[in-house]
Amino acid sequence: MTHHDWALSPGTFWADTRTLVGGDPFRSVRLTERGAAFVRSAVRQGVKTQYGAAEEALLRRLARSNLLLAPLNPPGVTANVTLVIPAKTTAAAVQCVLDLAPGIPAIVVDDASSVALEGQLVHDADLTVLRNATSLGPAAARNLGAQRATTRYVAFCDADIDAVATQAPASTPADRGSRNGWIGALLANIGDAVAIGPRVVTSPGTGAAAAFERAVCALDMGTRPGYVSPTGVLSYLPSAALLVHRDRFLSLGGFDESLHTGEDVDFCWRAAEDGVYYEPRVVLHHRPRARLGDALARRATYGESAAALASAHPQFMRHGSFPLATVLPWLLAMAGRTRLAAAASLAHIAVAPRSMKQLPASAARRAALRGQWHSSRALSRMLVRPLLPVTGLVSLTHTGFRKRAALAYLLTNTIDASIRQHAPSHLPDSSGSARTGPTRTTQRGGATSSGVPARVGWQLLDDAAYTVGAWRGSLRSGRFGLLFPHVRLGKPGGSIRSTRFGILFPDRRHRRRHGTA
């Protein structure tokens, strides 16, 4: 039982006195009167209370639905954890990662580096260096390290991590390596999840590659904490830095060693039901690539992995899945039928209360409008990522479509870039306390010096590179369906996932109906 200070997740709102709407994926949750009153008191600003097991369980269930934000616990003792570094690089790069985790036992898996790492590394705790005679890939290297570890937790960290934004000085020499640091911060916040990951942003650098990766960091998952959902906005975490519960990680099969990219996505999708948590208030920096061509080639490789992921997870690997009611206005607008598009949009909003009867009419219309907005943004982005070849072919014969498609893509990315540039960062300062305020952000919210026009340009380049890989993978595998949006048929007003959370805090009516005490 601990002291907590909870908050509603961004975008979550009370539809009435007992119903929470929001989360990722979007849903509604109906609470009992007592439960709703408790949640309201828990999220009231400035309220800090010691909660019992039942209260804590309710808060955690709502957090699992991404309706609530859990507080950031202070870093704890980093006992019973091993650092695992998969490496096919220089000793200097690996040494940098070791220096960021003083006092923590480490296993370095040398995946056939050109110069063997054995004998070139120093560490102030137990250090084991294993070497593969031939390169087996990062997934196999991480699995080998996890299998050799004997601690309860394993912290994976790639060799291109070069700084820790949350590193704080130890209060005494005895505390060095046992408190603070990114591993201690993640350990303090993993809870019952099988894995937890920090935010990873790009370190400052010079040249086009650094500017590109600062503007559109593929590893930066944004500023909002939350649990991974394969069908949500936060659909995976990168394996560049990831803390896992060792036994549960191994019981899930670890990383798929047949995947040299996308293995982190695959693992997160398999582990999502057990809990994979993202904690962006713990921040690491990774080294940018030296050449822009290398950075773009890596983006293409990410796109190519989509086909393999579709083979393993056909129910999840789609570039977009939308209700027809939210897609229709956008399709009509792209076809130049603006009046019909407006009519379809208004009709969808008007009938929403009929299909979302669990919500008050105003909340249902608000949810419908939100669905249209998010679908339009995602579909406009898909005009390039990954549908650029299709968009290009249609544009050759339809001048009006070409102009509308260009406007939709550029307008969407400009709005997104502007929002991210002024979004609260929620980054901790060096003392570990939260810092909020406007910041220039990356693709998903990371700091960068790029302005909005430059960011939109870099985003276009990123999307185009990813698209090249996605089509290359589809051509090789014959899986083209994953490239196109999946449109779901349903009620005209749309729908919303509905859940009832009442058993933990039943009122009298609930007790009579369900026989709970």
Foldseek 3Di string as FASTA:
>chain_A
DDKWQKAFFPPWDALDQAWIFQAWVTFIAGAANVLSVLVVQRNPPPDIDDDDPLNVVVQVVCQQRVGMDTDQDFFAFLPQEEEEEEDQDDLVLQQLVLVLQAPHHYEYEHQCHVDANPPVHDGNYHYHYHYDVHGLAPQVSVVVRLVPDDGQKYKYAYSQFRDWQQAADDPDPVCVNGTTGLSRSCVVPCPQAFKEDEAEAADDDDDDQRQLCNAAPPQGQAQGKGWADLRTSRPFHDSNIMMGRSVVCVVLVGFDSVDNPPSRSVSSNSRRVSTYIYDHLTYIHGYTDDDNVVVLLVLLQNLLCLLVVCVVCVVRLALAEAAPLLCVLLVCVLVVNNVVSVVSLVVLLQCQCVAAVVGDSVVSSVVLVVRNVVVLLSVLCLCVQAVVVVVVVVCVPDVSSVVVSVCSNLVSQLVQQVCLQQAWRQHAHNVSHTDTGGARQHSRRHHHPDDSVVSSVSVSSSSNSSNNSNVVNCVVNVDPRRSDYHYDYDDNNDHHHYHYDYQSPHDPVRCVVPVHD
